[in-house]
C-alpha atoms as a PDB file:
ATOM      1  CA  MET A   1      -9.202   1.647   5.149  1.00  0.00           C
ATOM      2  CA  LYS A   2      -7.622   3.964   7.578  1.00  0.00           C
ATOM      3  CA  ASN A   3      -3.599   3.844   7.374  1.00  0.00           C
ATOM      4  CA  ILE A   4      -3.423   1.377   4.766  1.00  0.00           C
ATOM      5  CA  LYS A   5      -0.584   1.773   2.328  1.00  0.00           C
ATOM      6  CA  ASN A   6      -0.080  -1.637   1.120  1.00  0.00           C
ATOM      7  CA  ILE A   7      -2.492  -4.343  -0.054  1.00  0.00           C
ATOM      8  CA  ILE A   8      -1.503  -8.150  -0.399  1.00  0.00           C
ATOM      9  CA  PHE A   9      -3.987  -9.961  -2.642  1.00  0.00           C
ATOM     10  CA  ASP A  10      -4.724 -13.811  -2.779  1.00  0.00           C
ATOM     11  CA  TYR A  11      -5.774 -14.862  -6.152  1.00  0.00           C
ATOM     12  CA  GLY A  12      -8.054 -17.657  -6.127  1.00  0.00           C
ATOM     13  CA  ASN A  13     -11.704 -16.548  -5.137  1.00  0.00           C
ATOM     14  CA  VAL A  14     -10.371 -12.836  -5.065  1.00  0.00           C
ATOM     15  CA  ILE A  15      -9.223 -12.147  -8.361  1.00  0.00           C
ATOM     16  CA  PHE A  16      -9.689 -15.402 -10.353  1.00  0.00           C
ATOM     17  CA  SER A  17     -12.906 -17.354  -9.682  1.00  0.00           C
ATOM     18  CA  LEU A  18     -12.721 -20.848  -8.860  1.00  0.00           C
ATOM     19  CA  ASP A  19     -15.282 -23.623  -8.452  1.00  0.00           C
ATOM     20  CA  PHE A  20     -14.183 -26.546  -5.983  1.00  0.00           C
ATOM     21  CA  LEU A  21     -17.394 -28.490  -6.688  1.00  0.00           C
ATOM     22  CA  LYS A  22     -16.434 -28.975 -10.357  1.00  0.00           C
ATOM     23  CA  SER A  23     -12.892 -30.160  -9.324  1.00  0.00           C
ATOM     24  CA  GLN A  24     -14.444 -32.341  -6.751  1.00  0.00           C
ATOM     25  CA  GLN A  25     -16.601 -33.804  -9.451  1.00  0.00           C
ATOM     26  CA  ALA A  26     -13.661 -34.153 -11.944  1.00  0.00           C
ATOM     27  CA  TRP A  27     -11.653 -36.134  -9.404  1.00  0.00           C
ATOM     28  CA  LYS A  28     -14.686 -38.387  -8.699  1.00  0.00           C
ATOM     29  CA  GLU A  29     -14.832 -39.069 -12.413  1.00  0.00           C
ATOM     30  CA  LEU A  30     -11.145 -40.298 -12.345  1.00  0.00           C
ATOM     31  CA  GLY A  31     -11.752 -42.665  -9.400  1.00  0.00           C
ATOM     32  CA  ILE A  32     -11.395 -40.637  -6.176  1.00  0.00           C
ATOM     33  CA  ASP A  33     -14.118 -41.851  -3.686  1.00  0.00           C
ATOM     34  CA  ASN A  34     -13.628 -39.278  -1.197  1.00  0.00           C
ATOM     35  CA  SER A  35     -13.254 -36.344  -3.540  1.00  0.00           C
ATOM     36  CA  SER A  36     -14.755 -33.771  -1.199  1.00  0.00           C
ATOM     37  CA  GLU A  37     -11.845 -34.608   1.411  1.00  0.00           C
ATOM     38  CA  PHE A  38      -9.381 -35.141  -1.236  1.00  0.00           C
ATOM     39  CA  TYR A  39      -9.496 -31.528  -2.568  1.00  0.00           C
ATOM     40  CA  SER A  40     -11.592 -28.805  -1.117  1.00  0.00           C
ATOM     41  CA  HIS A  41     -11.545 -25.326  -0.040  1.00  0.00           C
ATOM     42  CA  LYS A  42     -10.453 -25.940   3.642  1.00  0.00           C
ATOM     43  CA  THR A  43      -8.696 -29.565   3.339  1.00  0.00           C
ATOM     44  CA  GLN A  44      -6.709 -31.471   0.741  1.00  0.00           C
ATOM     45  CA  ASP A  45      -4.598 -34.622   0.349  1.00  0.00           C
ATOM     46  CA  PRO A  46      -0.740 -34.111   1.116  1.00  0.00           C
ATOM     47  CA  ILE A  47       0.263 -34.344  -2.685  1.00  0.00           C
ATOM     48  CA  PHE A  48      -1.478 -30.904  -3.204  1.00  0.00           C
ATOM     49  CA  THR A  49       0.541 -29.378  -0.479  1.00  0.00           C
ATOM     50  CA  ASP A  50       3.722 -30.833  -1.800  1.00  0.00           C
ATOM     51  CA  PHE A  51       2.725 -29.552  -5.325  1.00  0.00           C
ATOM     52  CA  GLU A  52       2.000 -25.920  -4.228  1.00  0.00           C
ATOM     53  CA  ARG A  53       5.274 -25.686  -2.300  1.00  0.00           C
ATOM     54  CA  GLY A  54       7.185 -26.912  -5.309  1.00  0.00           C
ATOM     55  CA  ASP A  55       8.401 -30.002  -3.521  1.00  0.00           C
ATOM     56  CA  ILE A  56       7.392 -32.183  -6.361  1.00  0.00           C
ATOM     57  CA  THR A  57       7.072 -31.679 -10.091  1.00  0.00           C
ATOM     58  CA  ALA A  58       4.157 -31.915 -12.500  1.00  0.00           C
ATOM     59  CA  THR A  59       5.394 -35.254 -13.539  1.00  0.00           C
ATOM     60  CA  HIS A  60       5.667 -36.473  -9.942  1.00  0.00           C
ATOM     61  CA  PHE A  61       2.175 -34.998  -9.187  1.00  0.00           C
ATOM     62  CA  ARG A  62       0.553 -36.828 -12.017  1.00  0.00           C
ATOM     63  CA  ASP A  63       2.283 -40.107 -11.149  1.00  0.00           C
ATOM     64  CA  GLY A  64       1.002 -39.531  -7.560  1.00  0.00           C
ATOM     65  CA  ILE A  65      -2.673 -39.127  -8.822  1.00  0.00           C
ATOM     66  CA  ARG A  66      -2.246 -42.466 -10.725  1.00  0.00           C
ATOM     67  CA  GLN A  67      -1.113 -44.294  -7.649  1.00  0.00           C
ATOM     68  CA  ILE A  68      -3.828 -42.765  -5.518  1.00  0.00           C
ATOM     69  CA  THR A  69      -6.485 -43.741  -8.068  1.00  0.00           C
ATOM     70  CA  LYS A  70      -4.983 -47.098  -8.870  1.00  0.00           C
ATOM     71  CA  ASN A  71      -4.985 -46.295 -12.466  1.00  0.00           C
ATOM     72  CA  GLN A  72      -1.860 -46.267 -14.266  1.00  0.00           C
ATOM     73  CA  LYS A  73      -3.870 -45.784 -17.715  1.00  0.00           C
ATOM     74  CA  LEU A  74      -4.710 -42.019 -16.859  1.00  0.00           C
ATOM     75  CA  THR A  75      -3.018 -39.823 -19.091  1.00  0.00           C
ATOM     76  CA  ASP A  76      -1.413 -36.423 -18.421  1.00  0.00           C
ATOM     77  CA  GLN A  77      -4.249 -34.700 -20.306  1.00  0.00           C
ATOM     78  CA  GLN A  78      -6.926 -36.498 -18.174  1.00  0.00           C
ATOM     79  CA  ILE A  79      -5.153 -35.531 -14.916  1.00  0.00           C
ATOM     80  CA  ASP A  80      -4.668 -31.860 -16.144  1.00  0.00           C
ATOM     81  CA  HIS A  81      -8.205 -31.282 -17.105  1.00  0.00           C
ATOM     82  CA  ALA A  82      -9.539 -32.687 -13.624  1.00  0.00           C
ATOM     83  CA  TRP A  83      -7.192 -30.449 -11.973  1.00  0.00           C
ATOM     84  CA  ASN A  84      -7.673 -27.301 -14.042  1.00  0.00           C
ATOM     85  CA  SER A  85     -11.604 -27.859 -14.026  1.00  0.00           C
ATOM     86  CA  LEU A  86     -12.067 -25.435 -10.840  1.00  0.00           C
ATOM     87  CA  LEU A  87     -10.386 -22.517 -12.765  1.00  0.00           C
ATOM     88  CA  LEU A  88     -13.221 -20.454 -14.029  1.00  0.00           C
ATOM     89  CA  GLY A  89     -11.805 -16.986 -15.143  1.00  0.00           C
ATOM     90  CA  ILE A  90     -11.442 -13.343 -14.106  1.00  0.00           C
ATOM     91  CA  ALA A  91     -14.562 -11.083 -13.655  1.00  0.00           C
ATOM     92  CA  GLU A  92     -14.718  -8.078 -16.256  1.00  0.00           C
ATOM     93  CA  GLY A  93     -13.322  -4.918 -14.538  1.00  0.00           C
ATOM     94  CA  ASN A  94     -10.985  -6.825 -12.013  1.00  0.00           C
ATOM     95  CA  HIS A  95      -7.867  -6.057 -13.970  1.00  0.00           C
ATOM     96  CA  GLU A  96      -8.993  -2.389 -14.409  1.00  0.00           C
ATOM     97  CA  LEU A  97      -9.427  -2.296 -10.627  1.00  0.00           C
ATOM     98  CA  LEU A  98      -6.012  -3.740  -9.880  1.00  0.00           C
ATOM     99  CA  LEU A  99      -4.220  -1.096 -12.341  1.00  0.00           C
ATOM    100  CA  ASP A 100      -6.038   1.551 -10.531  1.00  0.00           C
ATOM    101  CA  LEU A 101      -5.245   0.333  -6.906  1.00  0.00           C
ATOM    102  CA  LYS A 102      -1.578   0.011  -7.983  1.00  0.00           C
ATOM    103  CA  THR A 103      -1.551   3.874  -8.616  1.00  0.00           C
ATOM    104  CA  ARG A 104      -2.808   4.605  -5.085  1.00  0.00           C
ATOM    105  CA  TYR A 105      -1.208   1.798  -2.779  1.00  0.00           C
ATOM    106  CA  ARG A 106       1.900  -0.689  -3.118  1.00  0.00           C
ATOM    107  CA  THR A 107       0.014  -3.806  -4.157  1.00  0.00           C
ATOM    108  CA  PHE A 108       1.114  -7.369  -4.237  1.00  0.00           C
ATOM    109  CA  LEU A 109       0.046 -11.006  -5.325  1.00  0.00           C
ATOM    110  CA  LEU A 110       0.362 -13.943  -2.850  1.00  0.00           C
ATOM    111  CA  SER A 111      -1.011 -17.057  -4.218  1.00  0.00           C
ATOM    112  CA  ASN A 112      -0.917 -20.669  -3.269  1.00  0.00           C
ATOM    113  CA  ILE A 113      -0.515 -22.355  -6.789  1.00  0.00           C
ATOM    114  CA  ASN A 114       1.402 -25.017  -8.583  1.00  0.00           C
ATOM    115  CA  ALA A 115       3.189 -25.745 -11.932  1.00  0.00           C
ATOM    116  CA  ILE A 116      -0.026 -26.954 -13.720  1.00  0.00           C
ATOM    117  CA  HIS A 117      -2.280 -24.235 -12.689  1.00  0.00           C
ATOM    118  CA  TYR A 118       0.380 -21.606 -13.097  1.00  0.00           C
ATOM    119  CA  ASP A 119       0.970 -22.496 -16.941  1.00  0.00           C
ATOM    120  CA  TYR A 120      -2.909 -22.765 -17.341  1.00  0.00           C
ATOM    121  CA  ILE A 121      -3.489 -19.382 -16.004  1.00  0.00           C
ATOM    122  CA  MET A 122      -0.694 -17.727 -17.788  1.00  0.00           C
ATOM    123  CA  ASN A 123      -2.043 -19.185 -20.926  1.00  0.00           C
ATOM    124  CA  TYR A 124      -5.407 -17.882 -20.184  1.00  0.00           C
ATOM    125  CA  LEU A 125      -4.053 -14.497 -19.552  1.00  0.00           C
ATOM    126  CA  LYS A 126      -2.556 -14.391 -22.931  1.00  0.00           C
ATOM    127  CA  THR A 127      -5.367 -15.861 -24.747  1.00  0.00           C
ATOM    128  CA  GLU A 128      -8.051 -13.843 -23.204  1.00  0.00           C
ATOM    129  CA  PHE A 129      -6.356 -10.505 -22.573  1.00  0.00           C
ATOM    130  CA  GLY A 130      -3.065 -10.458 -24.299  1.00  0.00           C
ATOM    131  CA  PHE A 131      -1.110 -10.271 -20.950  1.00  0.00           C
ATOM    132  CA  ASP A 132       2.255 -12.184 -20.877  1.00  0.00           C
ATOM    133  CA  ASN A 133       1.942 -12.717 -16.866  1.00  0.00           C
ATOM    134  CA  ASN A 134       0.423 -10.781 -13.899  1.00  0.00           C
ATOM    135  CA  GLU A 135       3.552  -8.583 -13.334  1.00  0.00           C
ATOM    136  CA  HIS A 136       2.357  -5.489 -14.398  1.00  0.00           C
ATOM    137  CA  LEU A 137      -0.811  -5.532 -12.289  1.00  0.00           C
ATOM    138  CA  PHE A 138       1.103  -5.552  -9.015  1.00  0.00           C
ATOM    139  CA  GLU A 139       4.406  -4.273  -7.600  1.00  0.00           C
ATOM    140  CA  LYS A 140       5.474  -7.702  -7.150  1.00  0.00           C
ATOM    141  CA  THR A 141       4.127 -11.330  -7.165  1.00  0.00           C
ATOM    142  CA  TYR A 142       4.650 -14.160  -4.963  1.00  0.00           C
ATOM    143  CA  TYR A 143       3.695 -17.860  -6.003  1.00  0.00           C
ATOM    144  CA  SER A 144       4.012 -20.677  -3.707  1.00  0.00           C
ATOM    145  CA  HIS A 145       5.467 -23.221  -5.862  1.00  0.00           C
ATOM    146  CA  LEU A 146       8.385 -20.764  -6.860  1.00  0.00           C
ATOM    147  CA  THR A 147       9.061 -19.494  -3.358  1.00  0.00           C
ATOM    148  CA  GLY A 148       9.120 -22.833  -1.674  1.00  0.00           C
ATOM    149  CA  LYS A 149       6.767 -21.517   0.900  1.00  0.00           C
ATOM    150  CA  ARG A 150       2.767 -21.629   1.083  1.00  0.00           C
ATOM    151  CA  LYS A 151      -0.007 -20.015   3.141  1.00  0.00           C
ATOM    152  CA  PRO A 152      -0.683 -20.467   5.975  1.00  0.00           C
ATOM    153  CA  GLU A 153       2.966 -20.814   6.750  1.00  0.00           C
ATOM    154  CA  SER A 154       4.209 -17.506   8.536  1.00  0.00           C
ATOM    155  CA  ALA A 155       7.298 -17.825   6.534  1.00  0.00           C
ATOM    156  CA  ILE A 156       5.792 -16.671   3.218  1.00  0.00           C
ATOM    157  CA  PHE A 157       3.991 -13.634   4.795  1.00  0.00           C
ATOM    158  CA  GLU A 158       7.625 -12.856   6.472  1.00  0.00           C
ATOM    159  CA  MET A 159       9.158 -12.891   3.198  1.00  0.00           C
ATOM    160  CA  VAL A 160       6.636 -10.377   1.504  1.00  0.00           C
ATOM    161  CA  LEU A 161       6.876  -8.145   4.578  1.00  0.00           C
ATOM    162  CA  LYS A 162      10.937  -8.185   4.722  1.00  0.00           C
ATOM    163  CA  GLU A 163      11.721  -8.121   0.951  1.00  0.00           C
ATOM    164  CA  ASN A 164       9.341  -5.050   0.442  1.00  0.00           C
ATOM    165  CA  ASP A 165      10.009  -3.271   3.881  1.00  0.00           C
ATOM    166  CA  LEU A 166       6.385  -3.464   4.617  1.00  0.00           C
ATOM    167  CA  THR A 167       4.925  -2.247   7.912  1.00  0.00           C
ATOM    168  CA  PRO A 168       2.270  -4.985   9.043  1.00  0.00           C
ATOM    169  CA  ALA A 169      -0.104  -2.601  10.418  1.00  0.00           C
ATOM    170  CA  GLU A 170      -0.178  -0.391   7.304  1.00  0.00           C
ATOM    171  CA  THR A 171      -0.835  -3.733   5.138  1.00  0.00           C
ATOM    172  CA  LEU A 172      -4.124  -5.103   4.359  1.00  0.00           C
ATOM    173  CA  PHE A 173      -4.348  -8.938   3.295  1.00  0.00           C
ATOM    174  CA  ILE A 174      -7.338  -9.911   1.263  1.00  0.00           C
ATOM    175  CA  ASP A 175      -8.053 -13.855   0.974  1.00  0.00           C
ATOM    176  CA  ASP A 176     -10.871 -16.124   0.981  1.00  0.00           C
ATOM    177  CA  SER A 177      -9.514 -18.656   3.380  1.00  0.00           C
ATOM    178  CA  PRO A 178      -9.679 -17.975   7.248  1.00  0.00           C
ATOM    179  CA  GLN A 179      -6.828 -20.107   7.946  1.00  0.00           C
ATOM    180  CA  HIS A 180      -4.691 -17.858   5.914  1.00  0.00           C
ATOM    181  CA  LEU A 181      -5.950 -14.938   7.545  1.00  0.00           C
ATOM    182  CA  ALA A 182      -5.394 -15.989  10.952  1.00  0.00           C
ATOM    183  CA  ALA A 183      -1.737 -16.341  10.130  1.00  0.00           C
ATOM    184  CA  ALA A 184      -1.378 -12.787   8.668  1.00  0.00           C
ATOM    185  CA  GLN A 185      -3.225 -11.640  11.756  1.00  0.00           C
ATOM    186  CA  LYS A 186      -0.667 -12.947  14.048  1.00  0.00           C
ATOM    187  CA  LEU A 187       2.012 -11.008  12.386  1.00  0.00           C
ATOM    188  CA  GLY A 188       0.065  -7.580  12.811  1.00  0.00           C
ATOM    189  CA  ILE A 189      -1.413  -7.775   9.408  1.00  0.00           C
ATOM    190  CA  GLN A 190      -4.842  -6.221   8.855  1.00  0.00           C
ATOM    191  CA  THR A 191      -7.090  -8.651   6.938  1.00  0.00           C
ATOM    192  CA  TYR A 192     -10.332  -9.068   5.000  1.00  0.00           C
ATOM    193  CA  LEU A 193     -12.116 -12.266   4.184  1.00  0.00           C
ATOM    194  CA  MET A 194     -13.597 -12.469   0.799  1.00  0.00           C
ATOM    195  CA  THR A 195     -16.740 -14.467   0.470  1.00  0.00           C
ATOM    196  CA  ALA A 196     -19.292 -14.896  -2.060  1.00  0.00           C
ATOM    197  CA  PRO A 197     -21.153 -13.007  -3.438  1.00  0.00           C
ATOM    198  CA  ASP A 198     -18.611 -10.272  -2.260  1.00  0.00           C
ATOM    199  CA  SER A 199     -16.114  -9.256  -4.701  1.00  0.00           C
ATOM    200  CA  ILE A 200     -12.833  -6.968  -4.900  1.00  0.00           C
ATOM    201  CA  GLN A 201     -15.110  -4.450  -6.966  1.00  0.00           C
ATOM    202  CA  GLN A 202     -17.806  -4.305  -4.453  1.00  0.00           C
ATOM    203  CA  LEU A 203     -15.241  -4.270  -1.552  1.00  0.00           C
ATOM    204  CA  PHE A 204     -13.439  -1.004  -2.742  1.00  0.00           C
ATOM    205  CA  LYS A 205     -16.579   0.604  -3.941  1.00  0.00           C
ATOM    206  CA  LYS A 206     -17.635   0.305  -0.109  1.00  0.00           C
ATOM    207  CA  LEU A 207     -14.096   1.274   1.318  1.00  0.00           C
ATOM    208  CA  ASN A 208     -14.109   4.477  -1.121  1.00  0.00           C
ATOM    209  CA  ALA A 209     -17.515   5.228  -0.087  1.00  0.00           C
ATOM    210  CA  GLY A 210     -16.671   5.024   3.537  1.00  0.00           C
ATOM    211  CA  GLU A 211     -18.934   2.200   4.318  1.00  0.00           C
ATOM    212  CA  ILE A 212     -16.103   0.091   5.794  1.00  0.00           C
ATOM    213  CA  SER A 213     -13.840   1.545   8.260  1.00  0.00           C
ATOM    214  CA  ASN A 214     -12.354  -1.288  10.136  1.00  0.00           C
ATOM    215  CA  MET A 215     -10.701  -4.222   8.616  1.00  0.00           C
ATOM    216  CA  ARG A 216     -10.643  -7.611  10.486  1.00  0.00           C
ATOM    217  CA  ASN A 217      -7.483  -7.614  12.501  1.00  0.00           C
END
């Protein structure tokens, strides 16, 4: 990890494990016939993009799901359960690694997220770990629905770089979505694609051992 002084972490499937198949099955059970196209790792209905950018509220999102499914009887709880079904949890050791890395690098969180997932995860962190939020794990956190911007838009990467005076060539971005990495690369940021069964713990063990010398850039 030569010349790296800053690390920007994605959250889903980098720190917090996700299962898109569970989500697709849950949407199917609510009446979404094309659930694999409706919401997946690479494609999603515009309603999710709007929700992640904070352009619509949780209430508008739920009403939109009722319109899409043509089922006005769906409860908020049913919709939230389907939407949260892809959220699995955090592997043991991830938080300890992040705290260690924070002592050696400037670390940041950059997540495409929405109000429903945010509330679920904050509750999960409190219940499982006694954390009020993620703030102590990073120098600063960036959540798409609170910034009005989302990956892979260049504006959200530019925001992180400018607000924290980061040099792109000295910055590593770790994400599980190639389209997000491509946007970062255009700004000169070094990148690493996280793909299962890889993990941040395995990645930094290899980096510390000198087994990985060059990031994708």
